[in-house]
PDB file of N, CA and C in Angstrom:
ATOM      1  N   MET A   1     -20.008  -7.615   4.022  1.00  0.00           N
ATOM      2  CA  MET A   1     -19.536  -7.070   2.825  1.00  0.00           C
ATOM      3  C   MET A   1     -18.509  -8.081   2.135  1.00  0.00           C
ATOM      4  N   LEU A   2     -17.708  -8.702   2.895  1.00  0.00           N
ATOM      5  CA  LEU A   2     -16.762  -9.599   2.482  1.00  0.00           C
ATOM      6  C   LEU A   2     -16.899 -10.436   1.507  1.00  0.00           C
ATOM      7  N   THR A   3     -17.717 -11.178   2.537  1.00  0.00           N
ATOM      8  CA  THR A   3     -18.672 -12.366   1.559  1.00  0.00           C
ATOM      9  C   THR A   3     -19.403 -12.019   0.305  1.00  0.00           C
ATOM     10  N   VAL A   4     -20.033 -10.868   0.165  1.00  0.00           N
ATOM     11  CA  VAL A   4     -20.559 -10.571  -1.381  1.00  0.00           C
ATOM     12  C   VAL A   4     -19.269 -10.422  -2.287  1.00  0.00           C
ATOM     13  N   GLN A   5     -18.267  -9.509  -1.617  1.00  0.00           N
ATOM     14  CA  GLN A   5     -17.205  -9.173  -2.716  1.00  0.00           C
ATOM     15  C   GLN A   5     -16.543 -10.383  -3.183  1.00  0.00           C
ATOM     16  N   ILE A   6     -16.317 -11.346  -2.369  1.00  0.00           N
ATOM     17  CA  ILE A   6     -15.795 -12.929  -2.690  1.00  0.00           C
ATOM     18  C   ILE A   6     -16.937 -13.332  -3.535  1.00  0.00           C
ATOM     19  N   ARG A   7     -18.020 -13.402  -3.276  1.00  0.00           N
ATOM     20  CA  ARG A   7     -19.386 -14.261  -4.299  1.00  0.00           C
ATOM     21  C   ARG A   7     -19.086 -13.746  -5.784  1.00  0.00           C
ATOM     22  N   LEU A   8     -18.659 -12.370  -5.572  1.00  0.00           N
ATOM     23  CA  LEU A   8     -18.645 -11.772  -6.835  1.00  0.00           C
ATOM     24  C   LEU A   8     -17.696 -12.220  -7.459  1.00  0.00           C
ATOM     25  N   VAL A   9     -16.292 -12.289  -7.193  1.00  0.00           N
ATOM     26  CA  VAL A   9     -15.160 -12.722  -7.889  1.00  0.00           C
ATOM     27  C   VAL A   9     -15.184 -14.190  -8.434  1.00  0.00           C
ATOM     28  N   ILE A  10     -15.921 -14.990  -7.431  1.00  0.00           N
ATOM     29  CA  ILE A  10     -16.168 -16.659  -7.821  1.00  0.00           C
ATOM     30  C   ILE A  10     -17.177 -16.759  -8.635  1.00  0.00           C
ATOM     31  N   CYS A  11     -18.310 -15.878  -8.747  1.00  0.00           N
ATOM     32  CA  CYS A  11     -19.055 -16.060  -9.937  1.00  0.00           C
ATOM     33  C   CYS A  11     -18.465 -15.496 -11.144  1.00  0.00           C
ATOM     34  N   SER A  12     -18.215 -14.104 -11.430  1.00  0.00           N
ATOM     35  CA  SER A  12     -18.053 -13.398 -12.716  1.00  0.00           C
ATOM     36  C   SER A  12     -17.463 -12.432 -12.663  1.00  0.00           C
ATOM     37  N   VAL A  13     -16.201 -12.318 -12.875  1.00  0.00           N
ATOM     38  CA  VAL A  13     -15.460 -10.745 -12.939  1.00  0.00           C
ATOM     39  C   VAL A  13     -15.912 -10.238 -14.180  1.00  0.00           C
ATOM     40  N   ASP A  14     -16.046 -10.860 -15.301  1.00  0.00           N
ATOM     41  CA  ASP A  14     -16.235 -10.438 -16.619  1.00  0.00           C
ATOM     42  C   ASP A  14     -17.408  -9.635 -16.345  1.00  0.00           C
ATOM     43  N   LYS A  15     -18.506 -10.718 -16.040  1.00  0.00           N
ATOM     44  CA  LYS A  15     -19.965 -10.147 -16.029  1.00  0.00           C
ATOM     45  C   LYS A  15     -20.327  -8.817 -15.267  1.00  0.00           C
ATOM     46  N   ALA A  16     -19.505  -8.989 -13.834  1.00  0.00           N
ATOM     47  CA  ALA A  16     -19.408  -7.781 -12.984  1.00  0.00           C
ATOM     48  C   ALA A  16     -19.099  -6.283 -13.690  1.00  0.00           C
ATOM     49  N   LYS A  17     -18.246  -6.685 -14.480  1.00  0.00           N
ATOM     50  CA  LYS A  17     -17.666  -5.493 -15.427  1.00  0.00           C
ATOM     51  C   LYS A  17     -18.577  -4.740 -16.218  1.00  0.00           C
ATOM     52  N   GLU A  18     -19.059  -5.826 -16.917  1.00  0.00           N
ATOM     53  CA  GLU A  18     -20.147  -5.577 -17.698  1.00  0.00           C
ATOM     54  C   GLU A  18     -21.357  -4.667 -17.091  1.00  0.00           C
ATOM     55  N   MET A  19     -21.655  -5.059 -16.063  1.00  0.00           N
ATOM     56  CA  MET A  19     -22.739  -4.568 -15.329  1.00  0.00           C
ATOM     57  C   MET A  19     -22.388  -3.322 -14.117  1.00  0.00           C
ATOM     58  N   GLY A  20     -20.928  -2.707 -14.544  1.00  0.00           N
ATOM     59  CA  GLY A  20     -20.551  -1.543 -14.008  1.00  0.00           C
ATOM     60  C   GLY A  20     -19.940  -1.736 -12.401  1.00  0.00           C
ATOM     61  N   MET A  21     -19.934  -3.257 -12.229  1.00  0.00           N
ATOM     62  CA  MET A  21     -19.747  -3.313 -10.782  1.00  0.00           C
ATOM     63  C   MET A  21     -17.779  -3.565 -10.861  1.00  0.00           C
ATOM     64  N   ASP A  22     -16.760  -2.469 -10.513  1.00  0.00           N
ATOM     65  CA  ASP A  22     -15.825  -2.913 -10.711  1.00  0.00           C
ATOM     66  C   ASP A  22     -15.103  -2.052  -9.102  1.00  0.00           C
ATOM     67  N   TRP A  23     -15.731  -2.584  -8.009  1.00  0.00           N
ATOM     68  CA  TRP A  23     -15.197  -1.854  -6.887  1.00  0.00           C
ATOM     69  C   TRP A  23     -13.909  -2.322  -6.752  1.00  0.00           C
ATOM     70  N   TRP A  24     -13.231  -3.201  -6.945  1.00  0.00           N
ATOM     71  CA  TRP A  24     -11.675  -3.665  -7.044  1.00  0.00           C
ATOM     72  C   TRP A  24     -10.769  -2.828  -7.776  1.00  0.00           C
ATOM     73  N   VAL A  25     -10.998  -2.073  -8.584  1.00  0.00           N
ATOM     74  CA  VAL A  25     -10.611  -1.103  -9.308  1.00  0.00           C
ATOM     75  C   VAL A  25      -9.549  -0.337  -8.641  1.00  0.00           C
ATOM     76  N   ASN A  26     -10.663   0.405  -7.585  1.00  0.00           N
ATOM     77  CA  ASN A  26     -10.047   1.404  -6.589  1.00  0.00           C
ATOM     78  C   ASN A  26      -9.719   1.064  -5.210  1.00  0.00           C
ATOM     79  N   ASN A  27     -10.028  -0.261  -4.943  1.00  0.00           N
ATOM     80  CA  ASN A  27      -9.794  -0.654  -3.933  1.00  0.00           C
ATOM     81  C   ASN A  27      -8.497  -1.098  -3.603  1.00  0.00           C
ATOM     82  N   PRO A  28      -7.669   0.149  -2.504  1.00  0.00           N
ATOM     83  CA  PRO A  28      -6.453  -0.100  -2.069  1.00  0.00           C
ATOM     84  C   PRO A  28      -5.925  -1.697  -1.849  1.00  0.00           C
ATOM     85  N   ALA A  29      -6.915  -2.438  -1.271  1.00  0.00           N
ATOM     86  CA  ALA A  29      -6.534  -3.788  -0.906  1.00  0.00           C
ATOM     87  C   ALA A  29      -6.131  -4.777  -1.972  1.00  0.00           C
ATOM     88  N   PHE A  30      -6.790  -4.154  -3.348  1.00  0.00           N
ATOM     89  CA  PHE A  30      -6.580  -4.948  -4.617  1.00  0.00           C
ATOM     90  C   PHE A  30      -5.909  -4.180  -5.780  1.00  0.00           C
ATOM     91  N   CYS A  31      -5.505  -2.972  -5.383  1.00  0.00           N
ATOM     92  CA  CYS A  31      -4.644  -2.272  -6.361  1.00  0.00           C
ATOM     93  C   CYS A  31      -3.496  -2.440  -6.003  1.00  0.00           C
ATOM     94  N   SER A  32      -2.486  -2.627  -6.996  1.00  0.00           N
ATOM     95  CA  SER A  32      -1.277  -2.777  -6.749  1.00  0.00           C
ATOM     96  C   SER A  32      -0.137  -1.168  -6.796  1.00  0.00           C
ATOM     97  N   ARG A  33      -1.087  -0.432  -7.227  1.00  0.00           N
ATOM     98  CA  ARG A  33      -0.332   1.127  -7.027  1.00  0.00           C
ATOM     99  C   ARG A  33      -1.296   1.825  -6.079  1.00  0.00           C
ATOM    100  N   SER A  34      -1.288   1.236  -5.079  1.00  0.00           N
ATOM    101  CA  SER A  34      -2.193   2.047  -4.050  1.00  0.00           C
ATOM    102  C   SER A  34      -1.308   3.325  -3.388  1.00  0.00           C
ATOM    103  N   LYS A  35      -2.044   4.071  -2.889  1.00  0.00           N
ATOM    104  CA  LYS A  35      -1.123   5.589  -2.255  1.00  0.00           C
ATOM    105  C   LYS A  35      -0.115   4.848  -1.060  1.00  0.00           C
ATOM    106  N   LYS A  36      -0.491   4.216  -0.402  1.00  0.00           N
ATOM    107  CA  LYS A  36       0.071   3.324   0.963  1.00  0.00           C
ATOM    108  C   LYS A  36       1.579   3.020  -0.008  1.00  0.00           C
ATOM    109  N   GLN A  37       1.552   1.929  -1.132  1.00  0.00           N
ATOM    110  CA  GLN A  37       2.442   1.337  -1.311  1.00  0.00           C
ATOM    111  C   GLN A  37       3.623   2.433  -2.154  1.00  0.00           C
ATOM    112  N   GLN A  38       2.877   3.684  -2.571  1.00  0.00           N
ATOM    113  CA  GLN A  38       3.657   4.826  -3.424  1.00  0.00           C
ATOM    114  C   GLN A  38       4.503   5.449  -2.324  1.00  0.00           C
ATOM    115  N   ALA A  39       3.823   5.883  -1.011  1.00  0.00           N
ATOM    116  CA  ALA A  39       4.341   6.484  -0.089  1.00  0.00           C
ATOM    117  C   ALA A  39       5.476   5.948   0.669  1.00  0.00           C
ATOM    118  N   LEU A  40       5.617   4.616   0.519  1.00  0.00           N
ATOM    119  CA  LEU A  40       6.305   3.691   1.450  1.00  0.00           C
ATOM    120  C   LEU A  40       7.812   3.989   0.993  1.00  0.00           C
ATOM    121  N   PRO A  41       8.553   4.081  -0.127  1.00  0.00           N
ATOM    122  CA  PRO A  41       9.746   4.674  -0.296  1.00  0.00           C
ATOM    123  C   PRO A  41      10.159   5.946  -0.137  1.00  0.00           C
ATOM    124  N   GLU A  42       9.370   6.759   0.272  1.00  0.00           N
ATOM    125  CA  GLU A  42       9.495   8.033   0.563  1.00  0.00           C
ATOM    126  C   GLU A  42       9.612   7.909   2.287  1.00  0.00           C
ATOM    127  N   ALA A  43       8.937   7.000   2.894  1.00  0.00           N
ATOM    128  CA  ALA A  43       8.774   6.863   4.194  1.00  0.00           C
ATOM    129  C   ALA A  43      10.596   6.146   4.764  1.00  0.00           C
ATOM    130  N   MET A  44      10.869   5.338   3.506  1.00  0.00           N
ATOM    131  CA  MET A  44      12.032   4.387   3.859  1.00  0.00           C
ATOM    132  C   MET A  44      13.361   5.509   3.906  1.00  0.00           C
ATOM    133  N   ASP A  45      13.019   6.335   2.847  1.00  0.00           N
ATOM    134  CA  ASP A  45      14.134   7.411   2.698  1.00  0.00           C
ATOM    135  C   ASP A  45      14.358   8.017   3.967  1.00  0.00           C
ATOM    136  N   ARG A  46      13.091   8.750   4.825  1.00  0.00           N
ATOM    137  CA  ARG A  46      13.369   9.443   5.623  1.00  0.00           C
ATOM    138  C   ARG A  46      13.863   9.018   6.933  1.00  0.00           C
ATOM    139  N   LEU A  47      13.372   7.716   7.250  1.00  0.00           N
ATOM    140  CA  LEU A  47      13.682   6.990   8.154  1.00  0.00           C
ATOM    141  C   LEU A  47      15.335   6.524   7.940  1.00  0.00           C
ATOM    142  N   GLU A  48      15.665   6.315   6.777  1.00  0.00           N
ATOM    143  CA  GLU A  48      16.981   6.004   6.760  1.00  0.00           C
ATOM    144  C   GLU A  48      17.777   7.510   7.014  1.00  0.00           C
ATOM    145  N   GLU A  49      17.398   8.460   6.425  1.00  0.00           N
ATOM    146  CA  GLU A  49      18.069   9.994   7.047  1.00  0.00           C
ATOM    147  C   GLU A  49      17.952  10.016   8.236  1.00  0.00           C
ATOM    148  N   ARG A  50      16.931   9.697   9.099  1.00  0.00           N
ATOM    149  CA  ARG A  50      16.986   9.786  10.690  1.00  0.00           C
ATOM    150  C   ARG A  50      17.938   9.090  11.115  1.00  0.00           C
ATOM    151  N   LEU A  51      17.859   7.811  10.734  1.00  0.00           N
ATOM    152  CA  LEU A  51      18.783   6.683  11.525  1.00  0.00           C
ATOM    153  C   LEU A  51      20.098   7.199  11.179  1.00  0.00           C
ATOM    154  N   ALA A  52      20.600   7.934  10.004  1.00  0.00           N
ATOM    155  CA  ALA A  52      21.999   8.213   9.901  1.00  0.00           C
ATOM    156  C   ALA A  52      22.494   9.475  10.813  1.00  0.00           C
ATOM    157  N   ARG A  53      21.495  10.468  10.775  1.00  0.00           N
ATOM    158  CA  ARG A  53      21.500  11.849  11.856  1.00  0.00           C
ATOM    159  C   ARG A  53      21.587  11.216  13.581  1.00  0.00           C
ATOM    160  N   ILE A  54      21.022  10.065  13.430  1.00  0.00           N
ATOM    161  CA  ILE A  54      21.100   9.522  15.142  1.00  0.00           C
ATOM    162  C   ILE A  54      22.705   8.698  15.449  1.00  0.00           C
ATOM    163  N   GLU A  55      22.798   7.935  14.423  1.00  0.00           N
ATOM    164  CA  GLU A  55      24.145   7.252  14.260  1.00  0.00           C
ATOM    165  C   GLU A  55      25.226   8.644  14.153  1.00  0.00           C
ATOM    166  N   THR A  56      25.182   9.272  13.720  1.00  0.00           N
ATOM    167  CA  THR A  56      26.393  10.573  13.725  1.00  0.00           C
ATOM    168  C   THR A  56      26.337  11.230  14.955  1.00  0.00           C
ATOM    169  N   SER A  57      25.160  11.427  15.499  1.00  0.00           N
ATOM    170  CA  SER A  57      25.348  12.242  17.044  1.00  0.00           C
ATOM    171  C   SER A  57      25.594  11.251  17.976  1.00  0.00           C
ATOM    172  N   LEU A  58      25.374   9.717  17.836  1.00  0.00           N
ATOM    173  CA  LEU A  58      25.993   8.830  18.942  1.00  0.00           C
ATOM    174  C   LEU A  58      27.445   8.804  18.790  1.00  0.00           C
ATOM    175  N   ALA A  59      28.020   8.627  17.326  1.00  0.00           N
ATOM    176  CA  ALA A  59      29.353   8.658  17.362  1.00  0.00           C
ATOM    177  C   ALA A  59      30.015   9.920  17.671  1.00  0.00           C
ATOM    178  N   ALA A  60      29.575  10.898  17.580  1.00  0.00           N
ATOM    179  CA  ALA A  60      30.287  12.271  18.091  1.00  0.00           C
ATOM    180  C   ALA A  60      30.234  12.321  19.539  1.00  0.00           C
ATOM    181  N   GLY A  61      29.169  11.907  20.100  1.00  0.00           N
ATOM    182  CA  GLY A  61      28.981  11.652  21.598  1.00  0.00           C
ATOM    183  C   GLY A  61      30.079  10.704  22.324  1.00  0.00           C
ATOM    184  N   ALA A  62      30.496   9.798  21.530  1.00  0.00           N
ATOM    185  CA  ALA A  62      31.077   8.637  22.093  1.00  0.00           C
ATOM    186  C   ALA A  62      32.773   8.843  22.281  1.00  0.00           C
ATOM    187  N   LYS A  63      33.209  10.015  21.602  1.00  0.00           N
ATOM    188  CA  LYS A  63      34.159  10.460  21.321  1.00  0.00           C
ATOM    189  C   LYS A  63      35.051  11.184  22.454  1.00  0.00           C
TER     190      LYS A  63
END
């Protein structure tokens, strides 16, 4: 499958679009706005909040 996709890109992206072959448009590996990338800032926020709670707990326990 990878070989076919690479050959398609090398041959002609424009011709492929004309024929209705546009698998790269919705493929997360080629799409800059994939769901994975959109979820990253939310995950980072959750991790930062969790780390702050852990640090607060540790500081309170050290006193």
